[in-house]
Amino acid sequence: GAGIILENGEEVLIEVSLGLVFPTTNNQAEYEAFLAGLRLA
């Protein structure tokens, strides 16, 4: 799984957790979380 927290420096705006349904390495999980964060921003 992966977790995403978006904040503006003063407060947390969004907290999301993701379940990845495919085998992945740590780097791939971080990349998927990064992409999901970009989609949420």
C-alpha atoms as a PDB file:
ATOM      1  CA  GLY A   1       0.000   0.000   0.000  1.00  0.00           C
ATOM      2  CA  ALA A   2       0.886   3.646  -0.152  1.00  0.00           C
ATOM      3  CA  GLY A   3      -0.110   6.776   1.698  1.00  0.00           C
ATOM      4  CA  ILE A   4      -0.406  10.362   0.524  1.00  0.00           C
ATOM      5  CA  ILE A   5      -0.642  13.531   2.602  1.00  0.00           C
ATOM      6  CA  LEU A   6      -1.079  16.877   0.846  1.00  0.00           C
ATOM      7  CA  GLU A   7      -0.535  19.985   2.955  1.00  0.00           C
ATOM      8  CA  ASN A   8      -0.088  23.684   2.300  1.00  0.00           C
ATOM      9  CA  GLY A   9       2.433  24.349   5.067  1.00  0.00           C
ATOM     10  CA  GLU A  10      -0.200  25.349   7.621  1.00  0.00           C
ATOM     11  CA  GLU A  11      -2.671  22.491   7.563  1.00  0.00           C
ATOM     12  CA  VAL A  12      -3.240  19.054   6.104  1.00  0.00           C
ATOM     13  CA  LEU A  13      -5.541  19.276   3.093  1.00  0.00           C
ATOM     14  CA  ILE A  14      -5.926  15.630   2.036  1.00  0.00           C
ATOM     15  CA  GLU A  15      -4.941  12.266   3.521  1.00  0.00           C
ATOM     16  CA  VAL A  16      -5.349   9.184   1.314  1.00  0.00           C
ATOM     17  CA  SER A  17      -4.224   5.582   1.522  1.00  0.00           C
ATOM     18  CA  LEU A  18      -3.948   3.351  -1.520  1.00  0.00           C
ATOM     19  CA  GLY A  19      -3.943  -0.391  -1.904  1.00  0.00           C
ATOM     20  CA  LEU A  20      -1.815  -1.605  -4.806  1.00  0.00           C
ATOM     21  CA  VAL A  21      -3.236  -4.739  -6.418  1.00  0.00           C
ATOM     22  CA  PHE A  22      -0.034  -5.879  -8.106  1.00  0.00           C
ATOM     23  CA  PRO A  23       3.383  -7.006  -6.864  1.00  0.00           C
ATOM     24  CA  THR A  24       5.727  -4.042  -6.585  1.00  0.00           C
ATOM     25  CA  THR A  25       9.064  -2.902  -5.210  1.00  0.00           C
ATOM     26  CA  ASN A  26       9.421  -0.046  -2.728  1.00  0.00           C
ATOM     27  CA  ASN A  27      10.484   2.344  -5.511  1.00  0.00           C
ATOM     28  CA  GLN A  28       7.483   1.423  -7.649  1.00  0.00           C
ATOM     29  CA  ALA A  29       5.131   1.951  -4.696  1.00  0.00           C
ATOM     30  CA  GLU A  30       6.651   5.382  -4.030  1.00  0.00           C
ATOM     31  CA  TYR A  31       6.280   6.283  -7.712  1.00  0.00           C
ATOM     32  CA  GLU A  32       2.618   5.183  -7.748  1.00  0.00           C
ATOM     33  CA  ALA A  33       1.982   7.282  -4.620  1.00  0.00           C
ATOM     34  CA  PHE A  34       3.712  10.245  -6.287  1.00  0.00           C
ATOM     35  CA  LEU A  35       1.503   9.931  -9.385  1.00  0.00           C
ATOM     36  CA  ALA A  36      -1.642   9.615  -7.276  1.00  0.00           C
ATOM     37  CA  GLY A  37      -0.633  12.727  -5.320  1.00  0.00           C
ATOM     38  CA  LEU A  38      -0.226  14.667  -8.545  1.00  0.00           C
ATOM     39  CA  ARG A  39      -3.707  13.603  -9.629  1.00  0.00           C
ATOM     40  CA  LEU A  40      -5.167  14.770  -6.305  1.00  0.00           C
ATOM     41  CA  ALA A  41      -3.390  18.149  -6.314  1.00  0.00           C
END
